[in-house]
Amino acid sequence: MDYEIFDLGNVTLQRGATLRNAKLAYKTYGTLNADKSNVIVYPTWYSGQHQDNEWLIGAGMALDPAKYFILVPNMLGNGLSSSPSNTPAPYDRARFPNVTLYDNVSLQHRLVTERFGIERIKLVVGWSMGAQQTNQWGCLYPEMVERIAPFCGSARTAPHNFVFLEGVKAALTNDAAWQGGWYDTPPNKGLRGVGRVYAGWGLSQPFYMQELWREMGYSSLEDFLVAFWEGFFLPKDANNLLAMLWSWQNGDISANPVFNGDLEKALGAIKARAIVMPGAMDLYFPVADNEWEVARMPNAVCRPIPGVWGHFAGGGANPVDTKFIDDNLKELLSS
């Protein structure tokens, strides 16, 4: 096991359920300095776990473990932190309760403060749902968070994004093997279907026109759809995917007791210096949404990641986009 567990005890979630003996899995990279001033928090994304964030961590990169103490908390529902797949009855599997962005980030805040005694965070950064958590950190803890860098994400899940996720949900739940969430064998046809749905959304039209999947080592379009996309989702637990999907569909940094649904107020509360990086051709977190958000944030700029890799500009899939993100993080950290 290459990660640690923070025991949260009994946690009352925002939507009313109590998750008993809740657990937050996390991994750290680098060493916390004496005055605890070198902290970077880097939340995970939809279906991802801490190891899936490691492409942006390394010697000579902005997130350099020789300089910073990088803390990667795993989202609830991702199979390592409390999730449908590892929670005992009666809140197991299809009965796992709904978890919000507010739940995730307030529990991560407990990890940061209770486990490590940290009072200041140099940077919160994240991709996709990790970007949503990054924004949530910025507005909930403005005195604590100095900088944020959300990329390929948003402060509130847009209606079109919600609809995309309905397709993902339908692919999973229409597999007869799903059994209403009480399956004994995985709904593999549904998981393969999720991969096919995602393939049309995660990457742009020009990506496919230019056959850029060849750069990733795939020999044909069908090879890419089977080996990459179906292969991406087959190892994942369906109930875990659906739990995180609910969190994403209901993603809204203002949907909590602090902001009471006032998104402009939540965005205005983000004091951190921010570089917001949408994917120029992201089909479900479009640049225009981030431009609207940045216009309401006191200390933010919007810098689209150029190119045709769509949402996966932020997934560490190609060196050009990774360099763009890393260069902006270096600029932000040096400011």
C-alpha atoms as a PDB file:
ATOM      1  CA  MET A   1       0.000   0.000   0.000  1.00  0.00           C
ATOM      2  CA  ASP A   2       1.638   3.241  -1.156  1.00  0.00           C
ATOM      3  CA  TYR A   3      -0.758   5.593   0.648  1.00  0.00           C
ATOM      4  CA  GLU A   4      -1.934   6.435   4.161  1.00  0.00           C
ATOM      5  CA  ILE A   5      -5.365   6.575   5.786  1.00  0.00           C
ATOM      6  CA  PHE A   6      -6.725   9.443   7.881  1.00  0.00           C
ATOM      7  CA  ASP A   7      -9.539   8.239  10.143  1.00  0.00           C
ATOM      8  CA  LEU A   8     -12.336  10.820  10.142  1.00  0.00           C
ATOM      9  CA  GLY A   9     -14.622   9.076  12.627  1.00  0.00           C
ATOM     10  CA  ASN A  10     -18.359   9.535  12.115  1.00  0.00           C
ATOM     11  CA  VAL A  11     -18.992  12.212   9.493  1.00  0.00           C
ATOM     12  CA  THR A  12     -22.384  13.827   8.926  1.00  0.00           C
ATOM     13  CA  LEU A  13     -22.530  14.599   5.219  1.00  0.00           C
ATOM     14  CA  GLN A  14     -24.142  17.707   3.752  1.00  0.00           C
ATOM     15  CA  ARG A  15     -27.152  15.764   2.429  1.00  0.00           C
ATOM     16  CA  GLY A  16     -27.921  14.250   5.848  1.00  0.00           C
ATOM     17  CA  ALA A  17     -26.405  10.768   6.009  1.00  0.00           C
ATOM     18  CA  THR A  18     -23.787   9.878   8.623  1.00  0.00           C
ATOM     19  CA  LEU A  19     -20.805   8.000   7.218  1.00  0.00           C
ATOM     20  CA  ARG A  20     -19.473   5.993  10.158  1.00  0.00           C
ATOM     21  CA  ASN A  21     -15.759   5.331  10.531  1.00  0.00           C
ATOM     22  CA  ALA A  22     -15.145   7.413   7.415  1.00  0.00           C
ATOM     23  CA  LYS A  23     -11.681   7.279   5.896  1.00  0.00           C
ATOM     24  CA  LEU A  24      -9.667   9.635   3.721  1.00  0.00           C
ATOM     25  CA  ALA A  25      -6.809   8.062   1.767  1.00  0.00           C
ATOM     26  CA  TYR A  26      -3.894  10.309   0.883  1.00  0.00           C
ATOM     27  CA  LYS A  27      -0.289  10.281  -0.272  1.00  0.00           C
ATOM     28  CA  THR A  28       2.422  12.858   0.334  1.00  0.00           C
ATOM     29  CA  TYR A  29       5.463  13.716  -1.761  1.00  0.00           C
ATOM     30  CA  GLY A  30       8.425  15.671  -0.379  1.00  0.00           C
ATOM     31  CA  THR A  31       9.011  16.945   3.149  1.00  0.00           C
ATOM     32  CA  LEU A  32       7.047  19.471   5.188  1.00  0.00           C
ATOM     33  CA  ASN A  33       9.441  22.273   6.126  1.00  0.00           C
ATOM     34  CA  ALA A  34       9.866  23.635   9.672  1.00  0.00           C
ATOM     35  CA  ASP A  35       7.427  26.544   9.328  1.00  0.00           C
ATOM     36  CA  LYS A  36       4.995  24.482   7.215  1.00  0.00           C
ATOM     37  CA  SER A  37       5.095  27.044   4.408  1.00  0.00           C
ATOM     38  CA  ASN A  38       5.789  24.741   1.442  1.00  0.00           C
ATOM     39  CA  VAL A  39       2.416  22.986   1.149  1.00  0.00           C
ATOM     40  CA  ILE A  40       0.681  22.123  -2.127  1.00  0.00           C
ATOM     41  CA  VAL A  41      -2.704  20.346  -2.110  1.00  0.00           C
ATOM     42  CA  TYR A  42      -3.533  18.421  -5.301  1.00  0.00           C
ATOM     43  CA  PRO A  43      -6.965  16.657  -5.190  1.00  0.00           C
ATOM     44  CA  THR A  44      -7.853  13.717  -7.433  1.00  0.00           C
ATOM     45  CA  TRP A  45     -10.365  13.678 -10.313  1.00  0.00           C
ATOM     46  CA  TYR A  46     -13.350  11.598 -11.473  1.00  0.00           C
ATOM     47  CA  SER A  47     -12.340   7.916 -11.128  1.00  0.00           C
ATOM     48  CA  GLY A  48      -8.682   8.856 -10.558  1.00  0.00           C
ATOM     49  CA  GLN A  49      -6.532   7.937  -7.563  1.00  0.00           C
ATOM     50  CA  HIS A  50      -3.385   9.570  -6.162  1.00  0.00           C
ATOM     51  CA  GLN A  51      -1.032   7.705  -8.502  1.00  0.00           C
ATOM     52  CA  ASP A  52      -2.945   9.142 -11.473  1.00  0.00           C
ATOM     53  CA  ASN A  53      -1.805  12.639 -10.400  1.00  0.00           C
ATOM     54  CA  GLU A  54       1.897  11.805 -10.447  1.00  0.00           C
ATOM     55  CA  TRP A  55       2.507  12.919 -14.061  1.00  0.00           C
ATOM     56  CA  LEU A  56       2.568  16.533 -12.802  1.00  0.00           C
ATOM     57  CA  ILE A  57       4.947  15.830  -9.883  1.00  0.00           C
ATOM     58  CA  GLY A  58       8.706  15.505 -10.345  1.00  0.00           C
ATOM     59  CA  ALA A  59      12.233  16.885 -10.095  1.00  0.00           C
ATOM     60  CA  GLY A  60      12.582  20.183 -11.962  1.00  0.00           C
ATOM     61  CA  MET A  61       8.829  20.546 -12.379  1.00  0.00           C
ATOM     62  CA  ALA A  62       6.677  23.154 -10.608  1.00  0.00           C
ATOM     63  CA  LEU A  63       5.457  20.425  -8.244  1.00  0.00           C
ATOM     64  CA  ASP A  64       8.989  19.407  -7.197  1.00  0.00           C
ATOM     65  CA  PRO A  65       9.113  17.194  -4.078  1.00  0.00           C
ATOM     66  CA  ALA A  66      12.599  18.567  -3.337  1.00  0.00           C
ATOM     67  CA  LYS A  67      10.997  21.994  -2.725  1.00  0.00           C
ATOM     68  CA  TYR A  68       7.400  21.347  -1.762  1.00  0.00           C
ATOM     69  CA  PHE A  69       5.312  19.115   0.460  1.00  0.00           C
ATOM     70  CA  ILE A  70       2.676  17.868  -1.976  1.00  0.00           C
ATOM     71  CA  LEU A  71      -0.442  16.335  -0.464  1.00  0.00           C
ATOM     72  CA  VAL A  72      -2.762  14.341  -2.722  1.00  0.00           C
ATOM     73  CA  PRO A  73      -6.086  13.525  -1.014  1.00  0.00           C
ATOM     74  CA  ASN A  74      -8.280  10.898  -2.677  1.00  0.00           C
ATOM     75  CA  MET A  75     -11.895  11.900  -3.318  1.00  0.00           C
ATOM     76  CA  LEU A  76     -14.630  10.070  -1.451  1.00  0.00           C
ATOM     77  CA  GLY A  77     -15.990   7.403  -3.773  1.00  0.00           C
ATOM     78  CA  ASN A  78     -12.741   6.695  -5.625  1.00  0.00           C
ATOM     79  CA  GLY A  79     -12.187   3.253  -4.116  1.00  0.00           C
ATOM     80  CA  LEU A  80      -9.422   4.227  -1.644  1.00  0.00           C
ATOM     81  CA  SER A  81     -11.169   6.805   0.541  1.00  0.00           C
ATOM     82  CA  SER A  82     -14.618   5.777   1.856  1.00  0.00           C
ATOM     83  CA  SER A  83     -16.493   4.461  -1.191  1.00  0.00           C
ATOM     84  CA  PRO A  84     -19.358   2.156  -2.188  1.00  0.00           C
ATOM     85  CA  SER A  85     -16.810  -0.623  -2.785  1.00  0.00           C
ATOM     86  CA  ASN A  86     -15.175  -0.495   0.670  1.00  0.00           C
ATOM     87  CA  THR A  87     -17.882   0.737   3.063  1.00  0.00           C
ATOM     88  CA  PRO A  88     -19.554  -1.920   5.248  1.00  0.00           C
ATOM     89  CA  ALA A  89     -23.313  -2.475   5.235  1.00  0.00           C
ATOM     90  CA  PRO A  90     -25.745  -0.821   5.458  1.00  0.00           C
ATOM     91  CA  TYR A  91     -24.129   2.062   3.517  1.00  0.00           C
ATOM     92  CA  ASP A  92     -22.298  -0.235   1.103  1.00  0.00           C
ATOM     93  CA  ARG A  93     -22.590  -0.405  -2.697  1.00  0.00           C
ATOM     94  CA  ALA A  94     -25.872   1.105  -4.002  1.00  0.00           C
ATOM     95  CA  ARG A  95     -26.679   2.515  -0.537  1.00  0.00           C
ATOM     96  CA  PHE A  96     -23.551   4.690  -0.362  1.00  0.00           C
ATOM     97  CA  PRO A  97     -24.696   8.232   0.487  1.00  0.00           C
ATOM     98  CA  ASN A  98     -24.465  11.282  -1.758  1.00  0.00           C
ATOM     99  CA  VAL A  99     -21.248  13.253  -1.309  1.00  0.00           C
ATOM    100  CA  THR A 100     -20.809  16.916  -2.316  1.00  0.00           C
ATOM    101  CA  LEU A 101     -17.797  19.055  -3.201  1.00  0.00           C
ATOM    102  CA  TYR A 102     -18.321  20.733   0.166  1.00  0.00           C
ATOM    103  CA  ASP A 103     -18.063  17.349   1.918  1.00  0.00           C
ATOM    104  CA  ASN A 104     -14.881  16.421   0.077  1.00  0.00           C
ATOM    105  CA  VAL A 105     -13.083  19.697   0.686  1.00  0.00           C
ATOM    106  CA  SER A 106     -14.152  20.189   4.305  1.00  0.00           C
ATOM    107  CA  LEU A 107     -12.840  16.678   5.072  1.00  0.00           C
ATOM    108  CA  GLN A 108      -9.605  17.420   3.198  1.00  0.00           C
ATOM    109  CA  HIS A 109      -9.310  20.561   5.336  1.00  0.00           C
ATOM    110  CA  ARG A 110      -9.524  18.354   8.420  1.00  0.00           C
ATOM    111  CA  LEU A 111      -6.695  16.197   7.062  1.00  0.00           C
ATOM    112  CA  VAL A 112      -4.524  19.264   6.405  1.00  0.00           C
ATOM    113  CA  THR A 113      -5.154  20.909   9.791  1.00  0.00           C
ATOM    114  CA  GLU A 114      -5.647  17.952  12.164  1.00  0.00           C
ATOM    115  CA  ARG A 115      -3.115  15.508  10.766  1.00  0.00           C
ATOM    116  CA  PHE A 116      -0.395  17.987   9.773  1.00  0.00           C
ATOM    117  CA  GLY A 117      -1.142  21.206  11.672  1.00  0.00           C
ATOM    118  CA  ILE A 118      -0.913  23.222   8.458  1.00  0.00           C
ATOM    119  CA  GLU A 119      -2.314  26.777   8.495  1.00  0.00           C
ATOM    120  CA  ARG A 120      -1.223  28.085   5.084  1.00  0.00           C
ATOM    121  CA  ILE A 121      -1.355  26.441   1.668  1.00  0.00           C
ATOM    122  CA  LYS A 122       0.939  27.763  -1.043  1.00  0.00           C
ATOM    123  CA  LEU A 123      -1.101  26.282  -3.895  1.00  0.00           C
ATOM    124  CA  VAL A 124      -4.170  24.155  -4.526  1.00  0.00           C
ATOM    125  CA  VAL A 125      -4.184  22.639  -8.011  1.00  0.00           C
ATOM    126  CA  GLY A 126      -6.316  20.065  -9.812  1.00  0.00           C
ATOM    127  CA  TRP A 127      -7.687  18.726 -13.082  1.00  0.00           C
ATOM    128  CA  SER A 128     -11.383  18.227 -13.933  1.00  0.00           C
ATOM    129  CA  MET A 129     -13.230  17.319 -10.703  1.00  0.00           C
ATOM    130  CA  GLY A 130      -9.920  18.144  -9.034  1.00  0.00           C
ATOM    131  CA  ALA A 131     -10.347  21.655 -10.461  1.00  0.00           C
ATOM    132  CA  GLN A 132     -13.831  21.845  -8.945  1.00  0.00           C
ATOM    133  CA  GLN A 133     -12.341  20.915  -5.558  1.00  0.00           C
ATOM    134  CA  THR A 134      -9.585  23.506  -6.127  1.00  0.00           C
ATOM    135  CA  ASN A 135     -12.207  26.230  -6.591  1.00  0.00           C
ATOM    136  CA  GLN A 136     -14.050  24.972  -3.520  1.00  0.00           C
ATOM    137  CA  TRP A 137     -10.852  25.226  -1.449  1.00  0.00           C
ATOM    138  CA  GLY A 138     -10.323  28.791  -2.692  1.00  0.00           C
ATOM    139  CA  CYS A 139     -13.739  30.104  -1.623  1.00  0.00           C
ATOM    140  CA  LEU A 140     -14.154  28.125   1.621  1.00  0.00           C
ATOM    141  CA  TYR A 141     -10.692  28.882   3.018  1.00  0.00           C
ATOM    142  CA  PRO A 142      -9.614  32.224   1.513  1.00  0.00           C
ATOM    143  CA  GLU A 143      -7.335  33.132   4.441  1.00  0.00           C
ATOM    144  CA  MET A 144      -5.491  29.829   4.116  1.00  0.00           C
ATOM    145  CA  VAL A 145      -5.094  29.337   0.354  1.00  0.00           C
ATOM    146  CA  GLU A 146      -2.522  31.636  -1.296  1.00  0.00           C
ATOM    147  CA  ARG A 147      -2.804  30.424  -4.897  1.00  0.00           C
ATOM    148  CA  ILE A 148      -5.075  28.201  -6.967  1.00  0.00           C
ATOM    149  CA  ALA A 149      -4.678  26.644 -10.405  1.00  0.00           C
ATOM    150  CA  PRO A 150      -7.803  24.808 -11.543  1.00  0.00           C
ATOM    151  CA  PHE A 151      -7.408  23.327 -15.031  1.00  0.00           C
ATOM    152  CA  CYS A 152     -10.056  21.810 -17.309  1.00  0.00           C
ATOM    153  CA  GLY A 153     -12.750  22.256 -14.671  1.00  0.00           C
ATOM    154  CA  SER A 154     -15.366  24.676 -13.392  1.00  0.00           C
ATOM    155  CA  ALA A 155     -16.914  26.218 -10.297  1.00  0.00           C
ATOM    156  CA  ARG A 156     -20.359  24.847 -11.134  1.00  0.00           C
ATOM    157  CA  THR A 157     -21.244  21.903 -13.380  1.00  0.00           C
ATOM    158  CA  ALA A 158     -22.995  23.282 -16.463  1.00  0.00           C
ATOM    159  CA  PRO A 159     -26.286  21.821 -17.798  1.00  0.00           C
ATOM    160  CA  HIS A 160     -24.568  20.452 -20.933  1.00  0.00           C
ATOM    161  CA  ASN A 161     -21.950  18.752 -18.736  1.00  0.00           C
ATOM    162  CA  PHE A 162     -24.783  17.263 -16.651  1.00  0.00           C
ATOM    163  CA  VAL A 163     -26.305  15.826 -19.843  1.00  0.00           C
ATOM    164  CA  PHE A 164     -22.992  14.262 -20.910  1.00  0.00           C
ATOM    165  CA  LEU A 165     -22.871  12.501 -17.537  1.00  0.00           C
ATOM    166  CA  GLU A 166     -26.434  11.228 -18.026  1.00  0.00           C
ATOM    167  CA  GLY A 167     -25.037   9.309 -21.011  1.00  0.00           C
ATOM    168  CA  VAL A 168     -22.284   7.828 -18.859  1.00  0.00           C
ATOM    169  CA  LYS A 169     -24.845   6.854 -16.205  1.00  0.00           C
ATOM    170  CA  ALA A 170     -27.176   5.270 -18.766  1.00  0.00           C
ATOM    171  CA  ALA A 171     -24.354   3.202 -20.275  1.00  0.00           C
ATOM    172  CA  LEU A 172     -23.628   1.707 -16.849  1.00  0.00           C
ATOM    173  CA  THR A 173     -27.117   1.224 -15.482  1.00  0.00           C
ATOM    174  CA  ASN A 174     -28.617  -0.238 -18.668  1.00  0.00           C
ATOM    175  CA  ASP A 175     -26.330  -3.273 -18.410  1.00  0.00           C
ATOM    176  CA  ALA A 176     -28.526  -6.058 -16.983  1.00  0.00           C
ATOM    177  CA  ALA A 177     -25.537  -7.191 -14.897  1.00  0.00           C
ATOM    178  CA  TRP A 178     -25.685  -3.919 -12.953  1.00  0.00           C
ATOM    179  CA  GLN A 179     -28.573  -5.352 -10.882  1.00  0.00           C
ATOM    180  CA  GLY A 180     -29.537  -1.974  -9.429  1.00  0.00           C
ATOM    181  CA  GLY A 181     -26.062  -1.683  -7.920  1.00  0.00           C
ATOM    182  CA  TRP A 182     -26.168  -5.072  -6.152  1.00  0.00           C
ATOM    183  CA  TYR A 183     -24.028  -6.938  -8.689  1.00  0.00           C
ATOM    184  CA  ASP A 184     -21.728  -9.815  -7.734  1.00  0.00           C
ATOM    185  CA  THR A 185     -19.903  -9.749 -11.050  1.00  0.00           C
ATOM    186  CA  PRO A 186     -18.964  -6.393 -12.620  1.00  0.00           C
ATOM    187  CA  PRO A 187     -21.245  -4.958 -15.332  1.00  0.00           C
ATOM    188  CA  ASN A 188     -18.453  -5.143 -17.906  1.00  0.00           C
ATOM    189  CA  LYS A 189     -20.630  -4.328 -20.925  1.00  0.00           C
ATOM    190  CA  GLY A 190     -21.727  -1.170 -19.135  1.00  0.00           C
ATOM    191  CA  LEU A 191     -18.149  -0.265 -18.220  1.00  0.00           C
ATOM    192  CA  ARG A 192     -17.085  -0.734 -21.853  1.00  0.00           C
ATOM    193  CA  GLY A 193     -20.047   1.424 -22.867  1.00  0.00           C
ATOM    194  CA  VAL A 194     -18.873   4.183 -20.515  1.00  0.00           C
ATOM    195  CA  GLY A 195     -15.524   4.114 -22.306  1.00  0.00           C
ATOM    196  CA  ARG A 196     -17.249   4.545 -25.672  1.00  0.00           C
ATOM    197  CA  VAL A 197     -19.367   7.449 -24.407  1.00  0.00           C
ATOM    198  CA  TYR A 198     -16.329   9.147 -22.903  1.00  0.00           C
ATOM    199  CA  ALA A 199     -14.275   8.728 -26.068  1.00  0.00           C
ATOM    200  CA  GLY A 200     -16.494  11.173 -27.938  1.00  0.00           C
ATOM    201  CA  TRP A 201     -16.365  13.778 -25.178  1.00  0.00           C
ATOM    202  CA  GLY A 202     -12.882  13.627 -23.699  1.00  0.00           C
ATOM    203  CA  LEU A 203     -11.123  14.587 -26.933  1.00  0.00           C
ATOM    204  CA  SER A 204     -11.968  17.027 -29.702  1.00  0.00           C
ATOM    205  CA  GLN A 205     -13.125  16.552 -33.284  1.00  0.00           C
ATOM    206  CA  PRO A 206      -9.726  17.639 -34.729  1.00  0.00           C
ATOM    207  CA  PHE A 207      -7.963  15.170 -32.409  1.00  0.00           C
ATOM    208  CA  TYR A 208      -9.734  12.352 -34.229  1.00  0.00           C
ATOM    209  CA  MET A 209      -9.424  13.987 -37.652  1.00  0.00           C
ATOM    210  CA  GLN A 210      -5.648  14.198 -37.179  1.00  0.00           C
ATOM    211  CA  GLU A 211      -5.507  10.630 -35.794  1.00  0.00           C
ATOM    212  CA  LEU A 212      -3.493  11.808 -32.802  1.00  0.00           C
ATOM    213  CA  TRP A 213      -4.232   8.543 -31.036  1.00  0.00           C
ATOM    214  CA  ARG A 214      -1.302   7.252 -33.115  1.00  0.00           C
ATOM    215  CA  GLU A 215       0.991   9.412 -30.942  1.00  0.00           C
ATOM    216  CA  MET A 216      -0.293   7.475 -27.945  1.00  0.00           C
ATOM    217  CA  GLY A 217       0.745   4.148 -29.478  1.00  0.00           C
ATOM    218  CA  TYR A 218      -2.568   2.928 -30.929  1.00  0.00           C
ATOM    219  CA  SER A 219      -2.682   1.301 -34.370  1.00  0.00           C
ATOM    220  CA  SER A 220      -6.247   2.140 -35.435  1.00  0.00           C
ATOM    221  CA  LEU A 221      -9.298   4.045 -34.246  1.00  0.00           C
ATOM    222  CA  GLU A 222     -10.914   0.830 -33.023  1.00  0.00           C
ATOM    223  CA  ASP A 223      -7.694  -0.139 -31.246  1.00  0.00           C
ATOM    224  CA  PHE A 224      -7.810   3.216 -29.428  1.00  0.00           C
ATOM    225  CA  LEU A 225     -11.481   2.781 -28.464  1.00  0.00           C
ATOM    226  CA  VAL A 226     -10.942  -0.737 -27.109  1.00  0.00           C
ATOM    227  CA  ALA A 227      -7.422  -0.634 -25.681  1.00  0.00           C
ATOM    228  CA  PHE A 228      -7.482   2.905 -24.252  1.00  0.00           C
ATOM    229  CA  TRP A 229     -11.089   3.807 -23.529  1.00  0.00           C
ATOM    230  CA  GLU A 230     -12.646   0.445 -22.685  1.00  0.00           C
ATOM    231  CA  GLY A 231      -9.435  -0.487 -20.906  1.00  0.00           C
ATOM    232  CA  PHE A 232      -9.581   2.734 -18.902  1.00  0.00           C
ATOM    233  CA  PHE A 233     -12.963   1.959 -17.320  1.00  0.00           C
ATOM    234  CA  LEU A 234     -13.016  -1.858 -17.097  1.00  0.00           C
ATOM    235  CA  PRO A 235     -10.930  -2.023 -13.875  1.00  0.00           C
ATOM    236  CA  LYS A 236     -13.143   0.522 -12.098  1.00  0.00           C
ATOM    237  CA  ASP A 237     -16.066  -0.248  -9.814  1.00  0.00           C
ATOM    238  CA  ALA A 238     -19.447   0.770 -11.236  1.00  0.00           C
ATOM    239  CA  ASN A 239     -20.937   1.936  -7.925  1.00  0.00           C
ATOM    240  CA  ASN A 240     -17.827   4.017  -7.261  1.00  0.00           C
ATOM    241  CA  LEU A 241     -18.181   5.628 -10.691  1.00  0.00           C
ATOM    242  CA  LEU A 242     -21.857   6.405 -10.046  1.00  0.00           C
ATOM    243  CA  ALA A 243     -21.119   7.868  -6.592  1.00  0.00           C
ATOM    244  CA  MET A 244     -18.479  10.234  -8.024  1.00  0.00           C
ATOM    245  CA  LEU A 245     -20.766  10.994 -10.961  1.00  0.00           C
ATOM    246  CA  TRP A 246     -23.414  12.251  -8.543  1.00  0.00           C
ATOM    247  CA  SER A 247     -20.801  14.479  -6.885  1.00  0.00           C
ATOM    248  CA  TRP A 248     -19.812  15.845 -10.296  1.00  0.00           C
ATOM    249  CA  GLN A 249     -23.353  16.410 -11.586  1.00  0.00           C
ATOM    250  CA  ASN A 250     -24.130  18.326  -8.402  1.00  0.00           C
ATOM    251  CA  GLY A 251     -20.788  20.123  -8.394  1.00  0.00           C
ATOM    252  CA  ASP A 252     -21.303  23.732  -7.275  1.00  0.00           C
ATOM    253  CA  ILE A 253     -18.886  25.622  -5.027  1.00  0.00           C
ATOM    254  CA  SER A 254     -21.769  27.819  -3.793  1.00  0.00           C
ATOM    255  CA  ALA A 255     -24.159  24.975  -2.853  1.00  0.00           C
ATOM    256  CA  ASN A 256     -23.359  25.021   0.854  1.00  0.00           C
ATOM    257  CA  PRO A 257     -24.269  26.880   4.071  1.00  0.00           C
ATOM    258  CA  VAL A 258     -21.510  29.457   3.489  1.00  0.00           C
ATOM    259  CA  PHE A 259     -22.784  30.813   0.140  1.00  0.00           C
ATOM    260  CA  ASN A 260     -26.364  29.469  -0.064  1.00  0.00           C
ATOM    261  CA  GLY A 261     -26.232  28.982  -3.827  1.00  0.00           C
ATOM    262  CA  ASP A 262     -24.832  32.438  -4.672  1.00  0.00           C
ATOM    263  CA  LEU A 263     -22.135  31.512  -7.207  1.00  0.00           C
ATOM    264  CA  GLU A 264     -20.977  35.090  -7.779  1.00  0.00           C
ATOM    265  CA  LYS A 265     -20.478  35.500  -4.033  1.00  0.00           C
ATOM    266  CA  ALA A 266     -18.490  32.252  -3.876  1.00  0.00           C
ATOM    267  CA  LEU A 267     -16.260  33.285  -6.786  1.00  0.00           C
ATOM    268  CA  GLY A 268     -15.767  36.713  -5.246  1.00  0.00           C
ATOM    269  CA  ALA A 269     -14.616  35.066  -2.000  1.00  0.00           C
ATOM    270  CA  ILE A 270     -11.597  33.493  -3.728  1.00  0.00           C
ATOM    271  CA  LYS A 271      -8.777  35.823  -2.635  1.00  0.00           C
ATOM    272  CA  ALA A 272      -6.023  33.542  -3.936  1.00  0.00           C
ATOM    273  CA  ARG A 273      -3.932  34.523  -6.917  1.00  0.00           C
ATOM    274  CA  ALA A 274      -5.351  32.263  -9.624  1.00  0.00           C
ATOM    275  CA  ILE A 275      -4.381  30.997 -13.049  1.00  0.00           C
ATOM    276  CA  VAL A 276      -7.397  29.195 -14.523  1.00  0.00           C
ATOM    277  CA  MET A 277      -6.539  26.922 -17.455  1.00  0.00           C
ATOM    278  CA  PRO A 278      -9.425  25.550 -19.527  1.00  0.00           C
ATOM    279  CA  GLY A 279      -8.728  23.251 -22.450  1.00  0.00           C
ATOM    280  CA  ALA A 280      -9.243  25.349 -25.601  1.00  0.00           C
ATOM    281  CA  MET A 281     -11.368  22.583 -27.140  1.00  0.00           C
ATOM    282  CA  ASP A 282     -12.774  20.969 -23.984  1.00  0.00           C
ATOM    283  CA  LEU A 283     -16.294  19.808 -24.882  1.00  0.00           C
ATOM    284  CA  TYR A 284     -17.734  19.835 -21.358  1.00  0.00           C
ATOM    285  CA  PHE A 285     -15.731  22.464 -19.466  1.00  0.00           C
ATOM    286  CA  PRO A 286     -15.688  25.156 -22.182  1.00  0.00           C
ATOM    287  CA  VAL A 287     -13.451  28.236 -22.082  1.00  0.00           C
ATOM    288  CA  ALA A 288     -16.448  30.610 -21.978  1.00  0.00           C
ATOM    289  CA  ASP A 289     -17.561  29.172 -18.620  1.00  0.00           C
ATOM    290  CA  ASN A 290     -14.132  29.814 -17.106  1.00  0.00           C
ATOM    291  CA  GLU A 291     -13.996  33.330 -18.575  1.00  0.00           C
ATOM    292  CA  TRP A 292     -17.307  34.105 -16.857  1.00  0.00           C
ATOM    293  CA  GLU A 293     -15.937  32.756 -13.556  1.00  0.00           C
ATOM    294  CA  VAL A 294     -12.592  34.566 -13.801  1.00  0.00           C
ATOM    295  CA  ALA A 295     -14.391  37.885 -14.403  1.00  0.00           C
ATOM    296  CA  ARG A 296     -15.931  37.429 -10.935  1.00  0.00           C
ATOM    297  CA  MET A 297     -12.728  36.374  -9.147  1.00  0.00           C
ATOM    298  CA  PRO A 298     -10.664  39.225  -7.630  1.00  0.00           C
ATOM    299  CA  ASN A 299      -7.187  37.989  -8.548  1.00  0.00           C
ATOM    300  CA  ALA A 300      -7.474  35.621 -11.500  1.00  0.00           C
ATOM    301  CA  VAL A 301      -6.457  35.236 -15.135  1.00  0.00           C
ATOM    302  CA  CYS A 302      -7.806  32.764 -17.701  1.00  0.00           C
ATOM    303  CA  ARG A 303      -5.205  31.013 -19.878  1.00  0.00           C
ATOM    304  CA  PRO A 304      -6.656  28.390 -22.225  1.00  0.00           C
ATOM    305  CA  ILE A 305      -4.457  25.395 -22.979  1.00  0.00           C
ATOM    306  CA  PRO A 306      -4.068  25.605 -26.778  1.00  0.00           C
ATOM    307  CA  GLY A 307      -4.433  22.640 -29.105  1.00  0.00           C
ATOM    308  CA  VAL A 308      -6.875  19.881 -29.896  1.00  0.00           C
ATOM    309  CA  TRP A 309      -6.579  17.506 -26.934  1.00  0.00           C
ATOM    310  CA  GLY A 310      -9.834  18.773 -25.426  1.00  0.00           C
ATOM    311  CA  HIS A 311     -10.478  17.741 -21.834  1.00  0.00           C
ATOM    312  CA  PHE A 312      -7.462  15.442 -21.895  1.00  0.00           C
ATOM    313  CA  ALA A 313      -5.143  18.405 -22.359  1.00  0.00           C
ATOM    314  CA  GLY A 314      -5.151  18.208 -18.577  1.00  0.00           C
ATOM    315  CA  GLY A 315      -4.632  14.475 -18.222  1.00  0.00           C
ATOM    316  CA  GLY A 316      -0.896  14.256 -18.748  1.00  0.00           C
ATOM    317  CA  ALA A 317      -1.473  12.600 -22.117  1.00  0.00           C
ATOM    318  CA  ASN A 318       0.974  14.678 -24.154  1.00  0.00           C
ATOM    319  CA  PRO A 319       4.177  16.594 -23.350  1.00  0.00           C
ATOM    320  CA  VAL A 320       3.191  19.907 -24.996  1.00  0.00           C
ATOM    321  CA  ASP A 321       0.112  20.429 -22.818  1.00  0.00           C
ATOM    322  CA  THR A 322       1.924  19.164 -19.728  1.00  0.00           C
ATOM    323  CA  LYS A 323       4.647  21.787 -20.316  1.00  0.00           C
ATOM    324  CA  PHE A 324       2.023  24.535 -20.722  1.00  0.00           C
ATOM    325  CA  ILE A 325       0.437  23.617 -17.383  1.00  0.00           C
ATOM    326  CA  ASP A 326       3.803  23.207 -15.653  1.00  0.00           C
ATOM    327  CA  ASP A 327       5.119  26.566 -16.964  1.00  0.00           C
ATOM    328  CA  ASN A 328       2.031  28.353 -15.655  1.00  0.00           C
ATOM    329  CA  LEU A 329       2.362  26.636 -12.270  1.00  0.00           C
ATOM    330  CA  LYS A 330       5.998  27.748 -12.072  1.00  0.00           C
ATOM    331  CA  GLU A 331       4.948  31.329 -12.825  1.00  0.00           C
ATOM    332  CA  LEU A 332       2.191  31.177 -10.236  1.00  0.00           C
ATOM    333  CA  LEU A 333       4.451  29.715  -7.520  1.00  0.00           C
ATOM    334  CA  SER A 334       7.146  32.342  -8.168  1.00  0.00           C
ATOM    335  CA  SER A 335       4.657  35.226  -7.933  1.00  0.00           C
END
